C-alpha cells in the first residue's frame, strides 16, 4: 500500500519504525526515548498499515506533540518577585 492511499490519522510501519500520517500529509514518529519527529516524505513510499500503539496515539494533534495530555490553558504561570524588607 502507498502512503498516499492511507487515510489521515492512521498508523503504518515503514521498515521497523512505527509512524503516523497527519492530515496535512506530514509523517510523525516517536523514538524509544519519547522524542517526536515530524517529517515531510519526499516520495510516495510503500508502507504496511497497522494499528496505532498508545505512545503514538495522540501525537501530532496538539500544540505540544510530545505530550499525550496537555494540562492547563497554555499560558505560563505568573512569576512574582518577593523582596525582603
N, C-alpha and C. Protein backbone atom coordinates (compact mmCIF):
# COMPACT_ATOMS: atom_id res chain seq x y z
N UNK A 1 0.85 -1.17 0.00
CA UNK A 1 0.00 0.00 0.00
C UNK A 1 0.90 1.24 0.00
N UNK A 2 0.52 2.25 -0.75
CA UNK A 2 1.26 3.50 -0.81
C UNK A 2 0.84 4.45 0.31
N UNK A 3 1.73 5.35 0.70
CA UNK A 3 1.44 6.30 1.77
C UNK A 3 0.27 7.22 1.41
N UNK A 4 0.15 7.59 0.16
CA UNK A 4 -0.95 8.48 -0.24
C UNK A 4 -2.31 7.79 -0.15
N UNK A 5 -2.36 6.46 -0.15
CA UNK A 5 -3.63 5.72 -0.05
C UNK A 5 -4.15 5.64 1.38
N UNK A 6 -3.29 5.89 2.37
CA UNK A 6 -3.71 5.81 3.78
C UNK A 6 -4.56 7.02 4.15
N UNK A 7 -5.60 6.83 4.96
CA UNK A 7 -6.37 7.98 5.45
C UNK A 7 -5.57 8.74 6.50
N UNK A 8 -5.80 10.06 6.64
CA UNK A 8 -5.08 10.84 7.67
C UNK A 8 -5.39 10.33 9.07
N UNK A 9 -4.36 10.32 9.91
CA UNK A 9 -4.52 9.86 11.28
C UNK A 9 -4.26 8.38 11.46
N UNK A 10 -3.96 7.67 10.39
CA UNK A 10 -3.71 6.24 10.51
C UNK A 10 -2.22 5.97 10.70
N UNK A 11 -1.90 4.85 11.34
CA UNK A 11 -0.53 4.47 11.62
C UNK A 11 -0.06 3.45 10.59
N UNK A 12 1.25 3.42 10.40
CA UNK A 12 1.83 2.47 9.45
C UNK A 12 3.24 2.14 9.87
N UNK A 13 3.75 1.04 9.33
CA UNK A 13 5.13 0.65 9.58
C UNK A 13 5.92 0.84 8.30
N UNK A 14 7.06 1.51 8.45
CA UNK A 14 7.98 1.68 7.33
C UNK A 14 9.30 1.11 7.80
N UNK A 15 9.63 -0.06 7.32
CA UNK A 15 10.76 -0.80 7.86
C UNK A 15 10.38 -1.34 9.23
N UNK A 16 11.15 -1.00 10.26
CA UNK A 16 10.83 -1.44 11.62
C UNK A 16 10.19 -0.34 12.44
N UNK A 17 10.16 0.90 11.92
CA UNK A 17 9.65 2.02 12.71
C UNK A 17 8.17 2.24 12.49
N UNK A 18 7.47 2.59 13.58
CA UNK A 18 6.05 2.89 13.55
C UNK A 18 5.86 4.38 13.38
N UNK A 19 5.06 4.77 12.39
CA UNK A 19 4.84 6.19 12.09
C UNK A 19 3.36 6.45 11.93
N UNK A 20 2.99 7.73 11.94
CA UNK A 20 1.60 8.13 11.82
C UNK A 20 1.48 9.23 10.78
N UNK A 21 0.45 9.14 9.95
CA UNK A 21 0.22 10.15 8.91
C UNK A 21 -0.68 11.25 9.47
N UNK A 22 -0.25 12.51 9.32
CA UNK A 22 -1.02 13.65 9.78
C UNK A 22 -1.94 14.14 8.67
N UNK A 23 -2.98 14.91 9.01
CA UNK A 23 -3.92 15.39 7.98
C UNK A 23 -3.28 16.25 6.90
N UNK A 24 -2.18 16.94 7.20
CA UNK A 24 -1.54 17.80 6.19
C UNK A 24 -0.53 17.05 5.33
N UNK A 25 -0.43 15.73 5.48
CA UNK A 25 0.45 14.93 4.64
C UNK A 25 1.81 14.65 5.25
N UNK A 26 2.15 15.31 6.35
CA UNK A 26 3.42 15.05 7.01
C UNK A 26 3.34 13.74 7.78
N UNK A 27 4.49 13.26 8.22
CA UNK A 27 4.59 11.98 8.93
C UNK A 27 5.27 12.23 10.27
N UNK A 28 4.70 11.66 11.34
CA UNK A 28 5.26 11.83 12.68
C UNK A 28 5.69 10.47 13.21
N UNK A 29 6.84 10.46 13.92
CA UNK A 29 7.32 9.23 14.55
C UNK A 29 7.86 9.58 15.92
N UNK A 30 7.92 8.58 16.81
CA UNK A 30 8.40 8.76 18.17
C UNK A 30 9.50 7.74 18.41
N UNK A 31 10.67 8.22 18.87
CA UNK A 31 11.76 7.28 19.14
C UNK A 31 11.58 6.67 20.53
N UNK A 32 12.35 5.65 20.89
CA UNK A 32 12.15 4.98 22.19
C UNK A 32 12.32 5.91 23.40
N UNK A 33 13.07 7.01 23.28
CA UNK A 33 13.23 7.94 24.39
C UNK A 33 12.05 8.90 24.50
N UNK A 34 11.13 8.87 23.54
CA UNK A 34 9.95 9.72 23.60
C UNK A 34 10.05 10.99 22.79
N UNK A 35 11.13 11.18 22.06
CA UNK A 35 11.29 12.39 21.25
C UNK A 35 10.47 12.27 19.96
N UNK A 36 9.74 13.33 19.63
CA UNK A 36 8.85 13.33 18.47
C UNK A 36 9.57 13.95 17.28
N UNK A 37 9.39 13.33 16.13
CA UNK A 37 9.99 13.84 14.90
C UNK A 37 8.92 13.92 13.82
N UNK A 38 8.73 15.12 13.25
CA UNK A 38 7.76 15.32 12.18
C UNK A 38 8.52 15.60 10.90
N UNK A 39 8.26 14.80 9.86
CA UNK A 39 8.97 14.94 8.59
C UNK A 39 7.97 15.00 7.45
N UNK A 40 8.46 15.50 6.32
CA UNK A 40 7.67 15.52 5.09
C UNK A 40 8.27 14.49 4.15
N UNK A 41 7.51 13.47 3.75
CA UNK A 41 8.08 12.46 2.85
C UNK A 41 8.34 13.05 1.47
N UNK A 42 9.48 12.68 0.90
CA UNK A 42 9.86 13.20 -0.42
C UNK A 42 9.19 12.45 -1.56
N UNK A 43 8.86 11.21 -1.33
CA UNK A 43 8.21 10.41 -2.38
C UNK A 43 7.01 9.70 -1.77
N UNK A 44 6.41 8.81 -2.50
CA UNK A 44 5.24 8.06 -2.03
C UNK A 44 5.69 6.63 -1.73
N UNK A 45 6.23 6.37 -0.51
CA UNK A 45 6.80 5.05 -0.23
C UNK A 45 5.73 3.98 -0.03
N UNK A 46 6.15 2.74 -0.16
CA UNK A 46 5.29 1.60 0.13
C UNK A 46 5.35 1.34 1.63
N UNK A 47 4.18 1.26 2.28
CA UNK A 47 4.11 1.09 3.73
C UNK A 47 3.12 -0.02 4.06
N UNK A 48 3.19 -0.51 5.30
CA UNK A 48 2.26 -1.51 5.80
C UNK A 48 1.36 -0.88 6.84
N UNK A 49 0.05 -0.87 6.62
CA UNK A 49 -0.89 -0.27 7.56
C UNK A 49 -0.98 -1.13 8.81
N UNK A 50 -1.07 -0.47 9.97
CA UNK A 50 -1.16 -1.17 11.26
C UNK A 50 -1.95 -0.32 12.24
N UNK A 51 -2.25 -0.88 13.40
CA UNK A 51 -2.98 -0.13 14.42
C UNK A 51 -2.02 0.73 15.21
N UNK A 52 -2.53 1.86 15.72
CA UNK A 52 -1.70 2.79 16.49
C UNK A 52 -1.48 2.24 17.90
N UNK A 53 -0.23 2.33 18.36
CA UNK A 53 0.08 1.97 19.73
C UNK A 53 -0.14 3.18 20.63
N UNK A 54 -0.20 2.96 21.92
CA UNK A 54 -0.52 4.01 22.88
C UNK A 54 0.43 5.21 22.85
N UNK A 55 1.77 5.04 22.79
CA UNK A 55 2.64 6.23 22.81
C UNK A 55 2.48 7.15 21.60
N UNK A 56 1.92 6.65 20.51
CA UNK A 56 1.82 7.47 19.30
C UNK A 56 0.38 7.87 19.00
N UNK A 57 -0.54 7.53 19.91
CA UNK A 57 -1.97 7.73 19.65
C UNK A 57 -2.34 9.19 19.46
N UNK A 58 -1.95 10.07 20.37
CA UNK A 58 -2.35 11.47 20.27
C UNK A 58 -1.28 12.38 19.71
N UNK A 59 -0.22 11.82 19.16
CA UNK A 59 0.91 12.61 18.70
C UNK A 59 0.56 13.38 17.43
N UNK A 60 0.98 14.62 17.39
CA UNK A 60 0.80 15.44 16.20
C UNK A 60 -0.51 16.17 16.14
N UNK A 61 -1.35 16.08 17.17
CA UNK A 61 -2.66 16.69 17.12
C UNK A 61 -2.78 17.90 18.03
N UNK A 62 -1.76 18.22 18.80
CA UNK A 62 -1.83 19.30 19.77
C UNK A 62 -0.69 20.29 19.57
N UNK A 63 -0.71 21.35 20.34
CA UNK A 63 0.36 22.34 20.25
C UNK A 63 1.70 21.74 20.64
N UNK A 64 1.70 20.84 21.61
CA UNK A 64 2.92 20.19 22.06
C UNK A 64 2.80 18.70 21.74
N UNK A 65 3.26 18.27 20.56
CA UNK A 65 3.02 16.88 20.15
C UNK A 65 3.75 15.85 20.98
N UNK A 66 4.76 16.27 21.76
CA UNK A 66 5.46 15.27 22.56
C UNK A 66 4.70 14.92 23.83
N UNK A 67 3.63 15.66 24.15
CA UNK A 67 2.83 15.37 25.34
C UNK A 67 1.53 14.70 24.94
N UNK A 68 1.16 13.63 25.64
CA UNK A 68 -0.11 12.95 25.34
C UNK A 68 -1.29 13.76 25.85
N UNK A 69 -1.18 14.33 27.04
CA UNK A 69 -2.28 15.10 27.64
C UNK A 69 -1.74 16.48 27.98
N UNK A 70 -2.44 17.49 27.53
CA UNK A 70 -2.00 18.85 27.80
C UNK A 70 -2.79 19.42 28.96
N UNK A 71 -2.10 19.85 29.99
CA UNK A 71 -2.75 20.36 31.19
C UNK A 71 -2.71 21.88 31.18
N UNK A 72 -3.74 22.52 31.69
CA UNK A 72 -3.75 23.97 31.81
C UNK A 72 -4.20 24.66 30.53
N UNK A 73 -4.05 25.98 30.51
CA UNK A 73 -4.53 26.75 29.38
C UNK A 73 -3.42 27.18 28.44
N UNK A 74 -2.18 26.77 28.67
CA UNK A 74 -1.08 27.09 27.78
C UNK A 74 -0.35 28.37 28.12
N UNK A 75 -0.88 29.18 29.03
CA UNK A 75 -0.19 30.41 29.44
C UNK A 75 0.75 30.10 30.59
N UNK A 76 1.91 30.73 30.63
CA UNK A 76 2.84 30.43 31.73
C UNK A 76 2.32 30.95 33.05
N UNK A 77 2.74 30.34 34.13
CA UNK A 77 2.33 30.77 35.47
C UNK A 77 2.94 32.14 35.75
N UNK A 78 2.21 32.96 36.44
CA UNK A 78 2.68 34.31 36.75
C UNK A 78 3.80 34.24 37.79
N UNK A 79 4.88 34.89 37.48
CA UNK A 79 6.04 34.87 38.38
C UNK A 79 6.11 36.22 39.09
N UNK A 80 6.12 36.19 40.39
CA UNK A 80 6.22 37.42 41.17
C UNK A 80 7.54 37.40 41.93
N UNK A 81 8.14 38.55 42.00
CA UNK A 81 9.39 38.65 42.76
C UNK A 81 9.08 39.15 44.15
N UNK A 82 9.69 38.55 45.12
CA UNK A 82 9.47 38.94 46.52
C UNK A 82 10.78 39.51 47.05
N UNK A 83 10.69 40.71 47.59
CA UNK A 83 11.86 41.36 48.14
C UNK A 83 11.77 41.37 49.67
N UNK A 84 12.90 41.21 50.26
CA UNK A 84 12.95 41.30 51.72
C UNK A 84 12.92 42.76 52.13
N UNK A 85 12.14 43.08 53.16
CA UNK A 85 12.05 44.46 53.62
C UNK A 85 12.94 44.69 54.82
